[in-house]
Amino acid sequence: MELTASVYGVEFYPVGRIRYYADNGEDIRRGDLVLVMGDFGLEVARVVAEKREMSIDQLGYELKAIVRKLTEEDLEVHRRNEEDAKEAKKIFREIARKMELPMKPVLAKYTFDRSKLIFFFSSEERVDFREFVKELAKIFKTRIELKQLGVRDEMKLMGGLGLCGRPACCTVFLREFQSVTLKHAKKQQMMINPAKISGTCRRLLCCLTFEHEFYEEALKGVPDEGSTVEYEGKRCKVVNVNVFLDEITLMCEDRKIVKVELRYFKYAQNVQR
């Protein structure tokens, strides 16, 4: 018999990964702030998925229960922690500059009970921050933890605009990153121009994955541009593949240009790669 539990989905950061916690019997609604045991200790999270039944195997990690919904007193503590964390971020930046460390603070966060202060930072190189941590511990009188972020996670937390002029997908709805490679751009017949296919984070655009499945299916069995095919007894070179016009442009050995529907070559075996 499959074990199930009533759980709520919470996020620790806006549009962050959803983690599930067991129902504690309180009347909890979407949008409520709750206390949970997170990766860093006792943390505040926002409920983004209302109560549902999930199997223990489906979760894939040890299920913990929500500690409690934030009370008015808890909300005041949380507000003060957030304000102090903002000041801590400024101090982090000043000390890093004085110590000439190439570290840019992205986010500072206290655990609810202030037993730990976590700094998320970005850097283009490896940093020896052992002395830096000692200096921070002297100032804040609590345990310090530093987490170096990748450029995509930095973008998610800081926010920004995409090439389309709209807020970056990772700050609006994309909770987890997928692997994006040049094959995604090539499959969509895009020019391999880094300026055109890279986001503000300087990595390949996440949106290249959104329509990849469509292109995979639409171009299944269709020869690639530059390949040689046989058409009506002639050897021809594929000059262009246009999935929207549903046609392939060929240059045959007699120098004639012909346009052929995609379905002519779909699943054909006469393509010489």
C-alpha atoms as a PDB file:
ATOM      1  CA  MET A   1       0.000   0.000   0.000  1.00  0.00           C
ATOM      2  CA  GLU A   2       1.404   3.400  -1.018  1.00  0.00           C
ATOM      3  CA  LEU A   3       2.007   5.830   1.838  1.00  0.00           C
ATOM      4  CA  THR A   4       0.591   9.318   1.287  1.00  0.00           C
ATOM      5  CA  ALA A   5       0.536  12.567   3.228  1.00  0.00           C
ATOM      6  CA  SER A   6      -1.323  15.866   3.154  1.00  0.00           C
ATOM      7  CA  VAL A   7       1.220  18.495   2.173  1.00  0.00           C
ATOM      8  CA  TYR A   8       1.581  22.162   1.281  1.00  0.00           C
ATOM      9  CA  GLY A   9       4.044  23.538  -1.279  1.00  0.00           C
ATOM     10  CA  VAL A  10       6.206  26.447  -0.136  1.00  0.00           C
ATOM     11  CA  GLU A  11       8.893  28.662  -1.638  1.00  0.00           C
ATOM     12  CA  PHE A  12      11.787  30.261   0.250  1.00  0.00           C
ATOM     13  CA  TYR A  13      12.427  32.851  -2.462  1.00  0.00           C
ATOM     14  CA  PRO A  14      10.117  34.358  -5.099  1.00  0.00           C
ATOM     15  CA  VAL A  15       9.709  31.857  -7.962  1.00  0.00           C
ATOM     16  CA  GLY A  16      12.098  29.503  -6.182  1.00  0.00           C
ATOM     17  CA  ARG A  17      11.979  25.735  -6.111  1.00  0.00           C
ATOM     18  CA  ILE A  18       8.833  24.408  -4.421  1.00  0.00           C
ATOM     19  CA  ARG A  19       9.381  22.245  -1.340  1.00  0.00           C
ATOM     20  CA  TYR A  20       6.598  20.265   0.302  1.00  0.00           C
ATOM     21  CA  TYR A  21       5.840  20.154   4.025  1.00  0.00           C
ATOM     22  CA  ALA A  22       3.266  18.123   5.908  1.00  0.00           C
ATOM     23  CA  ASP A  23       0.009  19.636   7.133  1.00  0.00           C
ATOM     24  CA  ASN A  24       0.183  20.587  10.823  1.00  0.00           C
ATOM     25  CA  GLY A  25      -3.583  20.888  11.330  1.00  0.00           C
ATOM     26  CA  GLU A  26      -3.803  24.684  11.041  1.00  0.00           C
ATOM     27  CA  ASP A  27      -6.011  26.526   8.562  1.00  0.00           C
ATOM     28  CA  ILE A  28      -3.344  27.490   6.037  1.00  0.00           C
ATOM     29  CA  ARG A  29      -4.036  29.172   2.715  1.00  0.00           C
ATOM     30  CA  ARG A  30      -2.013  30.017  -0.348  1.00  0.00           C
ATOM     31  CA  GLY A  31       0.010  33.176   0.274  1.00  0.00           C
ATOM     32  CA  ASP A  32       0.393  32.598   4.019  1.00  0.00           C
ATOM     33  CA  LEU A  33       3.824  32.794   5.630  1.00  0.00           C
ATOM     34  CA  VAL A  34       4.829  29.736   7.653  1.00  0.00           C
ATOM     35  CA  LEU A  35       7.751  28.562   9.752  1.00  0.00           C
ATOM     36  CA  VAL A  36       9.530  25.425   8.534  1.00  0.00           C
ATOM     37  CA  MET A  37      12.835  23.655   9.038  1.00  0.00           C
ATOM     38  CA  GLY A  38      14.764  24.473   5.862  1.00  0.00           C
ATOM     39  CA  ASP A  39      18.301  23.857   4.664  1.00  0.00           C
ATOM     40  CA  PHE A  40      19.709  26.520   6.995  1.00  0.00           C
ATOM     41  CA  GLY A  41      17.532  25.968  10.059  1.00  0.00           C
ATOM     42  CA  LEU A  42      14.249  27.545  11.115  1.00  0.00           C
ATOM     43  CA  GLU A  43      13.131  29.597   8.119  1.00  0.00           C
ATOM     44  CA  VAL A  44      10.150  31.574   6.890  1.00  0.00           C
ATOM     45  CA  ALA A  45       8.536  30.368   3.670  1.00  0.00           C
ATOM     46  CA  ARG A  46       5.496  31.371   1.635  1.00  0.00           C
ATOM     47  CA  VAL A  47       2.764  28.865   0.777  1.00  0.00           C
ATOM     48  CA  VAL A  48       2.362  28.677  -3.015  1.00  0.00           C
ATOM     49  CA  ALA A  49       0.508  25.359  -3.376  1.00  0.00           C
ATOM     50  CA  GLU A  50      -2.529  24.566  -1.243  1.00  0.00           C
ATOM     51  CA  LYS A  51      -3.012  21.282   0.585  1.00  0.00           C
ATOM     52  CA  ARG A  52      -2.893  18.147  -1.514  1.00  0.00           C
ATOM     53  CA  GLU A  53      -2.218  14.443  -1.139  1.00  0.00           C
ATOM     54  CA  MET A  54       1.188  13.213  -2.295  1.00  0.00           C
ATOM     55  CA  SER A  55       2.932   9.873  -1.971  1.00  0.00           C
ATOM     56  CA  ILE A  56       6.091   9.678   0.116  1.00  0.00           C
ATOM     57  CA  ASP A  57       7.948   8.117  -2.833  1.00  0.00           C
ATOM     58  CA  GLN A  58       6.859  10.983  -5.074  1.00  0.00           C
ATOM     59  CA  LEU A  59       8.446  13.540  -2.747  1.00  0.00           C
ATOM     60  CA  GLY A  60      11.890  11.964  -2.851  1.00  0.00           C
ATOM     61  CA  TYR A  61      13.079  13.491   0.426  1.00  0.00           C
ATOM     62  CA  GLU A  62      12.344  13.311   4.153  1.00  0.00           C
ATOM     63  CA  LEU A  63       8.998  14.927   4.824  1.00  0.00           C
ATOM     64  CA  LYS A  64       8.873  17.473   7.626  1.00  0.00           C
ATOM     65  CA  ALA A  65       5.819  19.213   9.021  1.00  0.00           C
ATOM     66  CA  ILE A  66       5.095  22.922   8.988  1.00  0.00           C
ATOM     67  CA  VAL A  67       6.035  24.294  12.398  1.00  0.00           C
ATOM     68  CA  ARG A  68       3.293  26.933  12.447  1.00  0.00           C
ATOM     69  CA  LYS A  69       1.651  29.703  10.542  1.00  0.00           C
ATOM     70  CA  LEU A  70       3.276  33.025  11.414  1.00  0.00           C
ATOM     71  CA  THR A  71       1.579  34.889  14.251  1.00  0.00           C
ATOM     72  CA  GLU A  72       1.510  38.691  14.546  1.00  0.00           C
ATOM     73  CA  GLU A  73       4.558  38.498  16.813  1.00  0.00           C
ATOM     74  CA  ASP A  74       6.313  36.215  14.311  1.00  0.00           C
ATOM     75  CA  LEU A  75       5.577  38.645  11.483  1.00  0.00           C
ATOM     76  CA  GLU A  76       7.221  41.454  13.451  1.00  0.00           C
ATOM     77  CA  VAL A  77      10.315  39.297  14.062  1.00  0.00           C
ATOM     78  CA  HIS A  78      10.423  38.377  10.373  1.00  0.00           C
ATOM     79  CA  ARG A  79      10.121  42.037   9.305  1.00  0.00           C
ATOM     80  CA  ARG A  80      12.980  43.029  11.634  1.00  0.00           C
ATOM     81  CA  ASN A  81      15.136  40.148  10.366  1.00  0.00           C
ATOM     82  CA  GLU A  82      14.613  41.271   6.771  1.00  0.00           C
ATOM     83  CA  GLU A  83      15.542  44.873   7.580  1.00  0.00           C
ATOM     84  CA  ASP A  84      18.669  43.806   9.465  1.00  0.00           C
ATOM     85  CA  ALA A  85      19.634  41.460   6.628  1.00  0.00           C
ATOM     86  CA  LYS A  86      19.526  44.382   4.170  1.00  0.00           C
ATOM     87  CA  GLU A  87      21.932  46.324   6.392  1.00  0.00           C
ATOM     88  CA  ALA A  88      24.129  43.215   6.702  1.00  0.00           C
ATOM     89  CA  LYS A  89      24.340  43.064   2.910  1.00  0.00           C
ATOM     90  CA  LYS A  90      25.685  46.635   2.812  1.00  0.00           C
ATOM     91  CA  ILE A  91      28.309  45.805   5.454  1.00  0.00           C
ATOM     92  CA  PHE A  92      29.273  42.683   3.486  1.00  0.00           C
ATOM     93  CA  ARG A  93      29.919  44.827   0.406  1.00  0.00           C
ATOM     94  CA  GLU A  94      32.008  47.363   2.331  1.00  0.00           C
ATOM     95  CA  ILE A  95      34.215  44.747   4.003  1.00  0.00           C
ATOM     96  CA  ALA A  96      34.698  42.805   0.772  1.00  0.00           C
ATOM     97  CA  ARG A  97      35.837  46.028  -0.896  1.00  0.00           C
ATOM     98  CA  LYS A  98      38.269  46.801   1.912  1.00  0.00           C
ATOM     99  CA  MET A  99      39.715  43.283   1.775  1.00  0.00           C
ATOM    100  CA  GLU A 100      39.847  43.506  -2.038  1.00  0.00           C
ATOM    101  CA  LEU A 101      37.775  40.385  -2.488  1.00  0.00           C
ATOM    102  CA  PRO A 102      35.960  40.007  -5.857  1.00  0.00           C
ATOM    103  CA  MET A 103      32.631  39.168  -4.204  1.00  0.00           C
ATOM    104  CA  LYS A 104      29.299  40.797  -5.022  1.00  0.00           C
ATOM    105  CA  PRO A 105      26.556  40.263  -2.412  1.00  0.00           C
ATOM    106  CA  VAL A 106      23.257  39.216  -3.959  1.00  0.00           C
ATOM    107  CA  LEU A 107      21.158  38.425  -0.894  1.00  0.00           C
ATOM    108  CA  ALA A 108      21.532  38.290   2.871  1.00  0.00           C
ATOM    109  CA  LYS A 109      19.171  36.296   5.044  1.00  0.00           C
ATOM    110  CA  TYR A 110      18.782  35.573   8.762  1.00  0.00           C
ATOM    111  CA  THR A 111      17.231  32.352   9.951  1.00  0.00           C
ATOM    112  CA  PHE A 112      14.107  33.105  11.965  1.00  0.00           C
ATOM    113  CA  ASP A 113      15.843  32.607  15.317  1.00  0.00           C
ATOM    114  CA  ARG A 114      18.931  34.542  14.088  1.00  0.00           C
ATOM    115  CA  SER A 115      21.147  31.553  14.858  1.00  0.00           C
ATOM    116  CA  LYS A 116      22.633  31.902  11.393  1.00  0.00           C
ATOM    117  CA  LEU A 117      23.207  34.681   8.838  1.00  0.00           C
ATOM    118  CA  ILE A 118      23.509  33.490   5.258  1.00  0.00           C
ATOM    119  CA  PHE A 119      25.081  35.547   2.484  1.00  0.00           C
ATOM    120  CA  PHE A 120      24.546  34.621  -1.150  1.00  0.00           C
ATOM    121  CA  PHE A 121      27.211  36.142  -3.365  1.00  0.00           C
ATOM    122  CA  SER A 122      28.507  35.986  -6.912  1.00  0.00           C
ATOM    123  CA  SER A 123      32.083  35.968  -8.113  1.00  0.00           C
ATOM    124  CA  GLU A 124      33.766  35.172 -11.412  1.00  0.00           C
ATOM    125  CA  GLU A 125      36.560  33.323  -9.623  1.00  0.00           C
ATOM    126  CA  ARG A 126      37.195  31.108  -6.635  1.00  0.00           C
ATOM    127  CA  VAL A 127      37.580  33.109  -3.452  1.00  0.00           C
ATOM    128  CA  ASP A 128      39.389  32.223  -0.229  1.00  0.00           C
ATOM    129  CA  PHE A 129      36.982  33.827   2.220  1.00  0.00           C
ATOM    130  CA  ARG A 130      38.110  32.211   5.475  1.00  0.00           C
ATOM    131  CA  GLU A 131      39.396  35.458   7.011  1.00  0.00           C
ATOM    132  CA  PHE A 132      36.399  37.268   5.599  1.00  0.00           C
ATOM    133  CA  VAL A 133      34.005  34.941   7.441  1.00  0.00           C
ATOM    134  CA  LYS A 134      35.861  35.516  10.706  1.00  0.00           C
ATOM    135  CA  GLU A 135      35.499  39.273  10.271  1.00  0.00           C
ATOM    136  CA  LEU A 136      31.771  38.958   9.589  1.00  0.00           C
ATOM    137  CA  ALA A 137      31.294  36.714  12.639  1.00  0.00           C
ATOM    138  CA  LYS A 138      32.933  39.351  14.865  1.00  0.00           C
ATOM    139  CA  ILE A 139      30.524  41.992  13.617  1.00  0.00           C
ATOM    140  CA  PHE A 140      27.257  40.056  13.607  1.00  0.00           C
ATOM    141  CA  LYS A 141      27.904  37.771  16.580  1.00  0.00           C
ATOM    142  CA  THR A 142      26.254  34.781  14.948  1.00  0.00           C
ATOM    143  CA  ARG A 143      27.164  31.859  12.729  1.00  0.00           C
ATOM    144  CA  ILE A 144      27.995  32.989   9.174  1.00  0.00           C
ATOM    145  CA  GLU A 145      27.430  30.915   6.060  1.00  0.00           C
ATOM    146  CA  LEU A 146      28.482  31.968   2.563  1.00  0.00           C
ATOM    147  CA  LYS A 147      26.934  30.518  -0.593  1.00  0.00           C
ATOM    148  CA  GLN A 148      28.412  31.258  -4.020  1.00  0.00           C
ATOM    149  CA  LEU A 149      25.766  31.480  -6.729  1.00  0.00           C
ATOM    150  CA  GLY A 150      25.938  30.580 -10.389  1.00  0.00           C
ATOM    151  CA  VAL A 151      25.086  33.343 -12.850  1.00  0.00           C
ATOM    152  CA  ARG A 152      21.585  31.962 -13.493  1.00  0.00           C
ATOM    153  CA  ASP A 153      20.722  31.857  -9.796  1.00  0.00           C
ATOM    154  CA  GLU A 154      22.119  35.369  -9.426  1.00  0.00           C
ATOM    155  CA  MET A 155      19.806  36.552 -12.193  1.00  0.00           C
ATOM    156  CA  LYS A 156      16.813  34.871 -10.550  1.00  0.00           C
ATOM    157  CA  LEU A 157      17.413  36.599  -7.214  1.00  0.00           C
ATOM    158  CA  MET A 158      18.384  40.033  -8.557  1.00  0.00           C
ATOM    159  CA  GLY A 159      15.926  40.210 -11.455  1.00  0.00           C
ATOM    160  CA  GLY A 160      16.317  41.830 -14.858  1.00  0.00           C
ATOM    161  CA  LEU A 161      14.977  42.030 -18.378  1.00  0.00           C
ATOM    162  CA  GLY A 162      15.359  39.488 -21.161  1.00  0.00           C
ATOM    163  CA  LEU A 163      16.226  40.259 -24.781  1.00  0.00           C
ATOM    164  CA  CYS A 164      12.482  40.402 -25.470  1.00  0.00           C
ATOM    165  CA  GLY A 165      12.161  43.405 -23.166  1.00  0.00           C
ATOM    166  CA  ARG A 166      10.069  41.509 -20.630  1.00  0.00           C
ATOM    167  CA  PRO A 167      11.136  40.409 -17.129  1.00  0.00           C
ATOM    168  CA  ALA A 168      13.417  37.369 -17.263  1.00  0.00           C
ATOM    169  CA  CYS A 169      11.496  34.076 -17.263  1.00  0.00           C
ATOM    170  CA  CYS A 170      13.349  32.861 -14.163  1.00  0.00           C
ATOM    171  CA  THR A 171      11.948  35.788 -12.159  1.00  0.00           C
ATOM    172  CA  VAL A 172       8.351  35.294 -13.329  1.00  0.00           C
ATOM    173  CA  PHE A 173       7.514  31.592 -13.611  1.00  0.00           C
ATOM    174  CA  LEU A 174      10.594  29.413 -14.226  1.00  0.00           C
ATOM    175  CA  ARG A 175      11.236  27.756 -10.872  1.00  0.00           C
ATOM    176  CA  GLU A 176      13.965  25.334 -11.943  1.00  0.00           C
ATOM    177  CA  PHE A 177      16.569  25.591 -14.687  1.00  0.00           C
ATOM    178  CA  GLN A 178      16.831  23.061 -17.483  1.00  0.00           C
ATOM    179  CA  SER A 179      19.965  22.205 -19.411  1.00  0.00           C
ATOM    180  CA  VAL A 180      20.260  24.406 -22.525  1.00  0.00           C
ATOM    181  CA  THR A 181      22.784  23.580 -25.266  1.00  0.00           C
ATOM    182  CA  LEU A 182      23.627  24.821 -28.733  1.00  0.00           C
ATOM    183  CA  LYS A 183      21.597  21.979 -30.222  1.00  0.00           C
ATOM    184  CA  HIS A 184      18.467  23.814 -29.096  1.00  0.00           C
ATOM    185  CA  ALA A 185      19.444  26.867 -31.145  1.00  0.00           C
ATOM    186  CA  LYS A 186      20.568  24.808 -34.137  1.00  0.00           C
ATOM    187  CA  LYS A 187      17.342  22.818 -34.210  1.00  0.00           C
ATOM    188  CA  GLN A 188      15.430  26.107 -34.442  1.00  0.00           C
ATOM    189  CA  GLN A 189      17.650  27.311 -37.335  1.00  0.00           C
ATOM    190  CA  MET A 190      18.957  30.195 -35.280  1.00  0.00           C
ATOM    191  CA  MET A 191      22.236  31.925 -36.059  1.00  0.00           C
ATOM    192  CA  ILE A 192      24.880  30.867 -33.554  1.00  0.00           C
ATOM    193  CA  ASN A 193      25.518  34.426 -32.440  1.00  0.00           C
ATOM    194  CA  PRO A 194      26.200  34.643 -28.679  1.00  0.00           C
ATOM    195  CA  ALA A 195      24.666  38.122 -28.515  1.00  0.00           C
ATOM    196  CA  LYS A 196      21.411  36.807 -29.989  1.00  0.00           C
ATOM    197  CA  ILE A 197      21.005  33.565 -28.064  1.00  0.00           C
ATOM    198  CA  SER A 198      22.367  34.516 -24.634  1.00  0.00           C
ATOM    199  CA  GLY A 199      20.433  36.122 -21.810  1.00  0.00           C
ATOM    200  CA  THR A 200      21.431  38.841 -19.379  1.00  0.00           C
ATOM    201  CA  CYS A 201      23.074  36.121 -17.281  1.00  0.00           C
ATOM    202  CA  ARG A 202      25.445  35.446 -20.211  1.00  0.00           C
ATOM    203  CA  ARG A 203      24.160  31.891 -20.536  1.00  0.00           C
ATOM    204  CA  LEU A 204      22.069  30.407 -23.343  1.00  0.00           C
ATOM    205  CA  LEU A 205      18.474  31.616 -23.275  1.00  0.00           C
ATOM    206  CA  CYS A 206      16.187  29.419 -21.174  1.00  0.00           C
ATOM    207  CA  CYS A 207      13.376  30.057 -23.675  1.00  0.00           C
ATOM    208  CA  LEU A 208      15.288  28.013 -26.266  1.00  0.00           C
ATOM    209  CA  THR A 209      13.865  24.954 -24.505  1.00  0.00           C
ATOM    210  CA  PHE A 210      10.244  26.100 -24.621  1.00  0.00           C
ATOM    211  CA  GLU A 211       9.615  25.182 -28.270  1.00  0.00           C
ATOM    212  CA  HIS A 212      12.349  22.593 -28.686  1.00  0.00           C
ATOM    213  CA  GLU A 213       9.912  19.689 -28.486  1.00  0.00           C
ATOM    214  CA  PHE A 214       7.824  21.217 -31.303  1.00  0.00           C
ATOM    215  CA  TYR A 215      10.880  21.555 -33.561  1.00  0.00           C
ATOM    216  CA  GLU A 216      12.013  18.025 -32.718  1.00  0.00           C
ATOM    217  CA  GLU A 217       8.677  16.635 -33.862  1.00  0.00           C
ATOM    218  CA  ALA A 218       8.183  18.976 -36.844  1.00  0.00           C
ATOM    219  CA  LEU A 219      11.659  18.249 -38.232  1.00  0.00           C
ATOM    220  CA  LYS A 220      11.770  14.549 -37.432  1.00  0.00           C
ATOM    221  CA  GLY A 221      13.378  12.821 -40.422  1.00  0.00           C
ATOM    222  CA  VAL A 222      13.960  16.104 -42.269  1.00  0.00           C
ATOM    223  CA  PRO A 223      17.537  16.575 -43.601  1.00  0.00           C
ATOM    224  CA  ASP A 224      19.715  19.275 -42.043  1.00  0.00           C
ATOM    225  CA  GLU A 225      20.880  22.356 -43.867  1.00  0.00           C
ATOM    226  CA  GLY A 226      24.112  21.625 -45.723  1.00  0.00           C
ATOM    227  CA  SER A 227      23.374  17.919 -46.143  1.00  0.00           C
ATOM    228  CA  THR A 228      23.113  16.186 -49.531  1.00  0.00           C
ATOM    229  CA  VAL A 229      19.916  14.444 -50.619  1.00  0.00           C
ATOM    230  CA  GLU A 230      18.568  12.736 -53.704  1.00  0.00           C
ATOM    231  CA  TYR A 231      15.524  14.351 -55.299  1.00  0.00           C
ATOM    232  CA  GLU A 232      13.915  13.098 -58.495  1.00  0.00           C
ATOM    233  CA  GLY A 233      17.090  11.297 -59.506  1.00  0.00           C
ATOM    234  CA  LYS A 234      19.366  14.284 -58.864  1.00  0.00           C
ATOM    235  CA  ARG A 235      21.866  14.957 -56.106  1.00  0.00           C
ATOM    236  CA  CYS A 236      20.906  18.151 -54.330  1.00  0.00           C
ATOM    237  CA  LYS A 237      22.210  20.202 -51.428  1.00  0.00           C
ATOM    238  CA  VAL A 238      19.850  21.399 -48.719  1.00  0.00           C
ATOM    239  CA  VAL A 239      20.148  25.174 -48.724  1.00  0.00           C
ATOM    240  CA  ASN A 240      17.374  26.063 -46.283  1.00  0.00           C
ATOM    241  CA  VAL A 241      14.808  24.367 -44.038  1.00  0.00           C
ATOM    242  CA  ASN A 242      11.780  26.480 -43.111  1.00  0.00           C
ATOM    243  CA  VAL A 243       9.476  24.791 -40.638  1.00  0.00           C
ATOM    244  CA  PHE A 244       6.898  27.604 -40.773  1.00  0.00           C
ATOM    245  CA  LEU A 245       6.540  27.588 -44.566  1.00  0.00           C
ATOM    246  CA  ASP A 246       6.727  23.778 -44.432  1.00  0.00           C
ATOM    247  CA  GLU A 247       9.353  23.657 -47.159  1.00  0.00           C
ATOM    248  CA  ILE A 248      12.962  22.801 -47.941  1.00  0.00           C
ATOM    249  CA  THR A 249      15.003  24.740 -50.478  1.00  0.00           C
ATOM    250  CA  LEU A 250      17.360  22.578 -52.559  1.00  0.00           C
ATOM    251  CA  MET A 251      20.126  23.376 -55.024  1.00  0.00           C
ATOM    252  CA  CYS A 252      20.442  20.495 -57.449  1.00  0.00           C
ATOM    253  CA  GLU A 253      23.528  19.412 -59.389  1.00  0.00           C
ATOM    254  CA  ASP A 254      22.227  21.226 -62.493  1.00  0.00           C
ATOM    255  CA  ARG A 255      22.249  24.452 -60.402  1.00  0.00           C
ATOM    256  CA  LYS A 256      18.476  24.660 -60.338  1.00  0.00           C
ATOM    257  CA  ILE A 257      16.774  25.825 -57.132  1.00  0.00           C
ATOM    258  CA  VAL A 258      13.693  23.876 -56.107  1.00  0.00           C
ATOM    259  CA  LYS A 259      11.384  24.074 -53.095  1.00  0.00           C
ATOM    260  CA  VAL A 260       9.952  20.878 -51.659  1.00  0.00           C
ATOM    261  CA  GLU A 261       7.440  20.249 -48.870  1.00  0.00           C
ATOM    262  CA  LEU A 262       8.905  18.897 -45.645  1.00  0.00           C
ATOM    263  CA  ARG A 263       6.761  15.782 -45.796  1.00  0.00           C
ATOM    264  CA  TYR A 264       8.600  14.661 -48.953  1.00  0.00           C
ATOM    265  CA  PHE A 265      11.678  13.880 -46.874  1.00  0.00           C
ATOM    266  CA  LYS A 266      10.092  13.003 -43.542  1.00  0.00           C
ATOM    267  CA  TYR A 267      11.394   9.653 -42.378  1.00  0.00           C
ATOM    268  CA  ALA A 268      13.219   9.224 -45.734  1.00  0.00           C
ATOM    269  CA  GLN A 269      16.374   7.135 -45.834  1.00  0.00           C
ATOM    270  CA  ASN A 270      18.100   8.844 -48.760  1.00  0.00           C
ATOM    271  CA  VAL A 271      19.910  11.571 -46.858  1.00  0.00           C
ATOM    272  CA  GLN A 272      23.709  11.523 -46.934  1.00  0.00           C
ATOM    273  CA  ARG A 273      24.944  13.263 -43.777  1.00  0.00           C
END
